[in-house]
N, C-alpha and C. Protein backbone atom coordinates (compact mmCIF):
# COMPACT_ATOMS: atom_id res chain seq x y z
N UNK A 1 10.23 -195.38 38.61
CA UNK A 1 11.32 -195.23 39.34
C UNK A 1 12.49 -194.54 38.60
N UNK A 2 12.95 -193.59 39.35
CA UNK A 2 14.13 -192.95 38.66
C UNK A 2 15.45 -193.48 39.35
N UNK A 3 16.40 -193.36 38.90
CA UNK A 3 17.83 -193.49 39.16
C UNK A 3 18.33 -192.15 40.03
N UNK A 4 18.88 -192.47 41.07
CA UNK A 4 19.45 -191.30 41.99
C UNK A 4 20.49 -190.69 41.12
N UNK A 5 20.66 -189.41 41.30
CA UNK A 5 21.53 -188.61 40.54
C UNK A 5 22.80 -188.46 41.62
N UNK A 6 23.93 -188.90 41.03
CA UNK A 6 25.10 -188.79 42.05
C UNK A 6 25.70 -187.22 41.78
N UNK A 7 25.66 -186.61 43.05
CA UNK A 7 26.21 -185.20 43.05
C UNK A 7 27.63 -185.10 43.71
N UNK A 8 27.88 -186.18 44.41
CA UNK A 8 29.15 -186.13 45.17
C UNK A 8 30.07 -187.21 44.85
N UNK A 9 31.14 -187.25 44.64
CA UNK A 9 32.00 -188.34 44.36
C UNK A 9 32.83 -188.66 45.59
N UNK A 10 32.82 -189.86 46.16
CA UNK A 10 33.56 -190.17 47.25
C UNK A 10 35.04 -189.72 47.01
N UNK A 11 35.64 -189.15 48.05
CA UNK A 11 37.08 -188.68 48.11
C UNK A 11 37.93 -189.91 48.51
N UNK A 12 39.29 -189.55 48.06
CA UNK A 12 40.16 -190.59 48.41
C UNK A 12 40.35 -190.82 49.91
N UNK A 13 40.39 -192.10 50.28
CA UNK A 13 40.55 -192.50 51.63
C UNK A 13 42.00 -192.38 52.32
N UNK A 14 42.18 -192.30 53.56
CA UNK A 14 43.44 -192.22 54.04
C UNK A 14 44.03 -193.53 53.99
N UNK A 15 43.71 -194.72 53.47
CA UNK A 15 44.40 -195.82 53.49
C UNK A 15 45.70 -195.74 52.51
N UNK A 16 46.72 -196.08 53.17
CA UNK A 16 48.17 -196.04 52.49
C UNK A 16 48.69 -194.82 52.29
N UNK A 17 48.18 -193.81 52.92
CA UNK A 17 48.75 -192.43 52.91
C UNK A 17 49.58 -192.35 54.16
N UNK A 18 50.73 -191.60 54.16
CA UNK A 18 51.43 -191.37 55.37
C UNK A 18 51.98 -189.99 55.12
N UNK A 19 51.47 -189.12 56.04
CA UNK A 19 51.88 -187.66 56.09
C UNK A 19 53.13 -187.45 57.05
N UNK A 20 54.22 -187.22 56.42
CA UNK A 20 55.60 -187.13 57.12
C UNK A 20 55.97 -185.65 57.20
N UNK A 21 55.64 -185.00 58.27
CA UNK A 21 56.14 -183.42 58.60
C UNK A 21 56.95 -183.29 59.67
N UNK A 22 57.21 -184.42 60.31
CA UNK A 22 58.11 -184.35 61.42
C UNK A 22 59.51 -184.43 61.44
N UNK A 23 60.22 -184.12 62.28
CA UNK A 23 61.60 -184.07 62.30
C UNK A 23 62.16 -184.95 63.35
N UNK A 24 63.54 -185.60 63.39
CA UNK A 24 63.96 -186.08 64.50
C UNK A 24 64.28 -185.23 65.80
N UNK A 25 63.97 -185.52 66.98
CA UNK A 25 63.92 -184.59 68.08
C UNK A 25 65.40 -184.06 68.32
N UNK A 26 66.49 -184.75 67.95
CA UNK A 26 67.75 -184.42 68.09
C UNK A 26 68.63 -184.46 66.78
N UNK A 27 69.59 -183.90 66.56
CA UNK A 27 70.50 -184.05 65.54
C UNK A 27 71.29 -185.37 65.40
N UNK A 28 72.03 -185.74 64.31
CA UNK A 28 72.74 -186.88 64.13
C UNK A 28 73.79 -186.91 65.25
N UNK A 29 74.55 -185.81 65.40
CA UNK A 29 75.64 -185.78 66.21
C UNK A 29 75.49 -185.10 67.67
N UNK A 30 74.29 -185.16 68.25
CA UNK A 30 73.93 -184.34 69.34
C UNK A 30 74.18 -185.31 70.61
N UNK A 31 75.17 -185.94 70.64
CA UNK A 31 75.50 -186.74 71.84
C UNK A 31 75.54 -186.12 73.12
N UNK A 32 75.82 -184.93 73.41
CA UNK A 32 75.66 -184.30 74.47
C UNK A 32 74.36 -184.26 75.08
N UNK A 33 73.26 -184.47 74.27
CA UNK A 33 71.84 -184.45 74.83
C UNK A 33 71.54 -185.64 75.73
N UNK A 34 72.19 -186.71 75.56
CA UNK A 34 72.08 -187.99 76.43
C UNK A 34 73.47 -188.74 76.44
N UNK A 35 74.29 -188.29 77.39
CA UNK A 35 75.64 -188.86 77.59
C UNK A 35 75.80 -190.44 77.79
N UNK A 36 74.69 -190.93 78.59
CA UNK A 36 74.65 -192.37 78.78
C UNK A 36 74.41 -193.30 77.45
N UNK A 37 73.63 -192.52 76.58
CA UNK A 37 73.37 -193.14 75.09
C UNK A 37 74.72 -193.24 74.39
N UNK A 38 75.25 -192.10 74.36
CA UNK A 38 76.38 -191.72 73.66
C UNK A 38 77.68 -192.68 74.03
N UNK A 39 77.81 -192.85 75.33
CA UNK A 39 78.71 -193.70 75.76
C UNK A 39 78.66 -195.17 75.62
N UNK A 40 77.37 -195.56 75.57
CA UNK A 40 77.07 -196.83 75.27
C UNK A 40 77.28 -197.36 73.95
N UNK A 41 76.88 -196.21 72.92
CA UNK A 41 77.14 -196.39 71.60
C UNK A 41 78.62 -196.33 71.06
N UNK A 42 79.29 -195.70 71.93
CA UNK A 42 80.74 -195.69 71.64
C UNK A 42 81.65 -196.89 71.95
N UNK A 43 81.19 -197.34 73.27
CA UNK A 43 81.99 -198.48 73.71
C UNK A 43 81.33 -199.90 73.72
N UNK A 44 79.91 -199.95 73.32
CA UNK A 44 79.40 -201.15 73.12
C UNK A 44 78.21 -201.05 72.19
N UNK A 45 78.46 -200.66 70.91
CA UNK A 45 77.39 -200.46 69.93
C UNK A 45 76.39 -201.53 69.90
N UNK A 46 76.78 -202.84 70.06
CA UNK A 46 75.88 -203.86 70.01
C UNK A 46 74.86 -203.94 71.14
N UNK A 47 75.36 -203.60 72.18
CA UNK A 47 74.42 -203.47 73.31
C UNK A 47 73.43 -202.48 73.13
N UNK A 48 73.84 -201.24 72.70
CA UNK A 48 73.00 -200.17 72.35
C UNK A 48 71.92 -200.43 71.21
N UNK A 49 72.43 -201.26 70.14
CA UNK A 49 71.56 -201.77 69.27
C UNK A 49 70.32 -202.66 69.93
N UNK A 50 70.65 -203.62 70.80
CA UNK A 50 69.82 -204.40 71.35
C UNK A 50 68.93 -203.60 72.30
N UNK A 51 69.40 -202.83 72.95
CA UNK A 51 68.69 -201.70 73.82
C UNK A 51 67.62 -201.16 73.17
N UNK A 52 67.97 -200.55 72.00
CA UNK A 52 67.11 -199.71 71.21
C UNK A 52 66.07 -200.66 70.73
N UNK A 53 66.24 -201.73 69.92
CA UNK A 53 65.33 -202.55 69.57
C UNK A 53 64.37 -203.08 70.73
N UNK A 54 64.96 -203.47 71.62
CA UNK A 54 64.00 -203.70 72.74
C UNK A 54 63.10 -202.63 73.25
N UNK A 55 63.56 -201.51 73.54
CA UNK A 55 62.81 -200.46 73.87
C UNK A 55 61.73 -200.03 72.81
N UNK A 56 61.91 -200.12 71.54
CA UNK A 56 61.12 -199.98 70.58
C UNK A 56 59.90 -201.04 70.39
N UNK A 57 60.24 -202.10 71.10
CA UNK A 57 59.13 -203.11 71.15
C UNK A 57 59.45 -204.29 69.91
N UNK A 58 60.85 -204.12 69.66
CA UNK A 58 61.22 -205.28 68.57
C UNK A 58 61.99 -206.26 69.53
N UNK A 59 62.22 -207.38 68.78
CA UNK A 59 63.32 -208.41 69.27
C UNK A 59 64.61 -207.81 69.33
N UNK A 60 65.45 -207.90 70.23
CA UNK A 60 66.73 -207.08 70.69
C UNK A 60 67.74 -207.73 69.45
N UNK A 61 67.51 -209.20 69.10
CA UNK A 61 68.51 -209.53 67.99
C UNK A 61 68.26 -208.79 66.67
N UNK A 62 67.19 -207.96 66.57
CA UNK A 62 67.27 -207.24 65.26
C UNK A 62 68.33 -206.40 64.86
N UNK A 63 69.06 -205.98 66.04
CA UNK A 63 70.17 -205.12 65.66
C UNK A 63 71.31 -205.84 65.22
N UNK A 64 71.36 -207.10 65.30
CA UNK A 64 72.60 -208.03 65.01
C UNK A 64 72.35 -208.56 63.48
N UNK A 65 70.98 -208.34 63.07
CA UNK A 65 70.72 -208.87 61.59
C UNK A 65 71.18 -207.86 60.57
N UNK A 66 71.83 -208.35 59.44
CA UNK A 66 72.02 -207.25 58.48
C UNK A 66 70.74 -206.70 57.91
N UNK A 67 70.81 -205.32 57.91
CA UNK A 67 69.72 -204.64 57.55
C UNK A 67 68.54 -204.32 58.64
N UNK A 68 68.64 -204.92 59.97
CA UNK A 68 67.95 -204.81 60.84
C UNK A 68 67.72 -203.47 61.20
N UNK A 69 68.67 -202.71 61.47
CA UNK A 69 68.75 -201.23 62.01
C UNK A 69 67.99 -200.47 60.83
N UNK A 70 68.30 -200.56 59.68
CA UNK A 70 67.57 -199.87 58.61
C UNK A 70 66.12 -200.07 58.74
N UNK A 71 65.73 -201.35 58.82
CA UNK A 71 64.36 -201.69 58.83
C UNK A 71 63.70 -200.89 60.09
N UNK A 72 64.51 -200.99 61.18
CA UNK A 72 63.76 -200.29 62.37
C UNK A 72 63.74 -198.81 62.23
N UNK A 73 64.78 -198.28 61.71
CA UNK A 73 64.82 -196.90 61.37
C UNK A 73 63.66 -196.44 60.48
N UNK A 74 63.42 -197.19 59.54
CA UNK A 74 62.33 -196.86 58.58
C UNK A 74 60.88 -196.94 59.22
N UNK A 75 60.71 -198.01 60.15
CA UNK A 75 59.46 -198.18 60.92
C UNK A 75 59.49 -197.10 61.91
N UNK A 76 60.39 -196.78 62.35
CA UNK A 76 60.44 -195.56 63.43
C UNK A 76 60.03 -194.41 62.91
N UNK A 77 60.66 -194.09 61.77
CA UNK A 77 60.37 -192.92 60.89
C UNK A 77 58.96 -192.82 60.45
N UNK A 78 58.41 -193.86 60.07
CA UNK A 78 57.08 -193.77 59.73
C UNK A 78 55.97 -193.66 60.71
N UNK A 79 56.40 -194.35 62.06
CA UNK A 79 55.55 -194.41 63.10
C UNK A 79 55.49 -193.00 63.75
N UNK A 80 56.58 -192.35 63.68
CA UNK A 80 56.67 -190.89 64.44
C UNK A 80 56.27 -189.85 63.39
N UNK A 81 56.14 -190.12 62.02
CA UNK A 81 55.91 -189.15 60.97
C UNK A 81 57.08 -188.31 60.74
N UNK A 82 58.18 -188.83 60.67
CA UNK A 82 59.35 -188.08 60.40
C UNK A 82 59.86 -188.13 59.02
N UNK A 83 60.02 -187.05 58.41
CA UNK A 83 60.30 -187.09 56.87
C UNK A 83 61.68 -187.88 56.63
N UNK A 84 61.58 -188.47 55.46
CA UNK A 84 62.68 -189.10 54.96
C UNK A 84 62.33 -190.50 53.82
N UNK A 85 63.23 -190.97 53.42
CA UNK A 85 62.95 -192.01 52.49
C UNK A 85 63.78 -193.35 52.93
N UNK A 86 63.31 -194.44 52.31
CA UNK A 86 64.01 -195.66 52.43
C UNK A 86 65.45 -195.68 52.30
N UNK A 87 65.64 -195.01 51.07
CA UNK A 87 67.13 -194.92 50.65
C UNK A 87 67.86 -194.14 51.67
N UNK A 88 67.36 -193.00 52.04
CA UNK A 88 67.99 -192.22 53.19
C UNK A 88 68.21 -193.05 54.33
N UNK A 89 67.32 -193.83 54.78
CA UNK A 89 67.40 -194.84 56.03
C UNK A 89 68.61 -195.72 55.80
N UNK A 90 68.68 -196.32 54.69
CA UNK A 90 69.69 -197.32 54.43
C UNK A 90 71.06 -196.60 54.36
N UNK A 91 71.24 -195.39 53.69
CA UNK A 91 72.45 -194.67 53.83
C UNK A 91 72.85 -194.26 55.08
N UNK A 92 71.96 -193.85 55.87
CA UNK A 92 72.22 -193.43 57.29
C UNK A 92 72.65 -194.49 58.03
N UNK A 93 72.21 -195.50 57.93
CA UNK A 93 72.59 -196.70 58.80
C UNK A 93 73.80 -197.28 58.45
N UNK A 94 73.96 -197.24 57.17
CA UNK A 94 75.30 -197.92 56.64
C UNK A 94 76.53 -196.93 56.86
N UNK A 95 76.36 -195.59 56.54
CA UNK A 95 77.63 -194.72 56.69
C UNK A 95 77.71 -194.15 57.98
N UNK A 96 76.66 -193.81 58.90
CA UNK A 96 76.78 -193.23 60.05
C UNK A 96 76.01 -194.05 61.03
N UNK A 97 76.24 -195.29 61.09
CA UNK A 97 75.51 -196.32 61.84
C UNK A 97 75.53 -196.05 63.27
N UNK A 98 76.69 -195.93 63.88
CA UNK A 98 76.74 -195.68 65.35
C UNK A 98 76.11 -194.27 65.79
N UNK A 99 76.32 -193.34 65.06
CA UNK A 99 75.49 -192.03 65.38
C UNK A 99 74.27 -192.25 65.26
N UNK A 100 73.68 -192.91 64.11
CA UNK A 100 72.22 -193.08 63.86
C UNK A 100 71.53 -193.92 64.87
N UNK A 101 72.40 -194.99 65.23
CA UNK A 101 71.81 -195.80 66.39
C UNK A 101 71.74 -194.89 67.70
N UNK A 102 72.60 -194.07 67.97
CA UNK A 102 72.36 -193.35 69.18
C UNK A 102 71.21 -192.51 68.85
N UNK A 103 70.96 -191.81 67.87
CA UNK A 103 69.96 -190.78 67.62
C UNK A 103 68.51 -191.78 67.83
N UNK A 104 68.52 -192.75 67.28
CA UNK A 104 67.31 -193.61 67.50
C UNK A 104 66.85 -194.08 68.86
N UNK A 105 68.07 -194.33 69.59
CA UNK A 105 67.76 -194.42 71.08
C UNK A 105 67.47 -193.26 71.85
N UNK A 106 67.93 -192.10 71.37
CA UNK A 106 67.50 -190.83 72.11
C UNK A 106 66.00 -190.49 71.83
N UNK A 107 65.73 -190.72 70.39
CA UNK A 107 64.41 -190.44 69.95
C UNK A 107 63.49 -191.38 70.92
N UNK A 108 63.57 -192.61 71.13
CA UNK A 108 62.76 -193.57 71.72
C UNK A 108 62.65 -193.03 73.21
N UNK A 109 63.85 -192.68 73.84
CA UNK A 109 63.87 -192.11 75.15
C UNK A 109 63.07 -190.94 75.17
N UNK A 110 63.14 -189.98 74.45
CA UNK A 110 62.34 -188.83 74.45
C UNK A 110 60.93 -189.05 74.33
N UNK A 111 60.57 -189.87 73.23
CA UNK A 111 59.11 -190.17 72.93
C UNK A 111 58.44 -190.97 74.28
N UNK A 112 59.25 -191.66 74.88
CA UNK A 112 58.77 -192.45 75.95
C UNK A 112 58.89 -191.57 77.46
N UNK A 113 59.38 -190.41 77.31
CA UNK A 113 59.29 -189.58 78.38
C UNK A 113 60.34 -189.97 79.42
N UNK A 114 61.49 -190.72 78.95
CA UNK A 114 62.48 -191.04 79.86
C UNK A 114 63.66 -190.04 80.10
N UNK A 115 63.69 -188.83 79.41
CA UNK A 115 64.80 -187.93 79.46
C UNK A 115 64.17 -186.74 79.85
């Protein structure tokens, strides 16, 4: 009885890999592409955050929790295959929070075919 000769090594599986080649569908300051979202973000950003979390399938209260929007942006970016890092997510939601919240809401609306 002879031992079989291994001629092919198994390749690396796709578990744990995430190819991120996409981009956001709109720019950070592209408010004119969806005036309703922009107006809601300017006049009542908490309502926009709750709306965005709800439309994304998360608890609407996520927008009110410190770090909640960063976590949702990171998850959204990974789900949609958008390039970026967790550090970038944290910086964007901290320094450009309202604009980033508007962009996330626009992204969800575009991906759901609502615009």
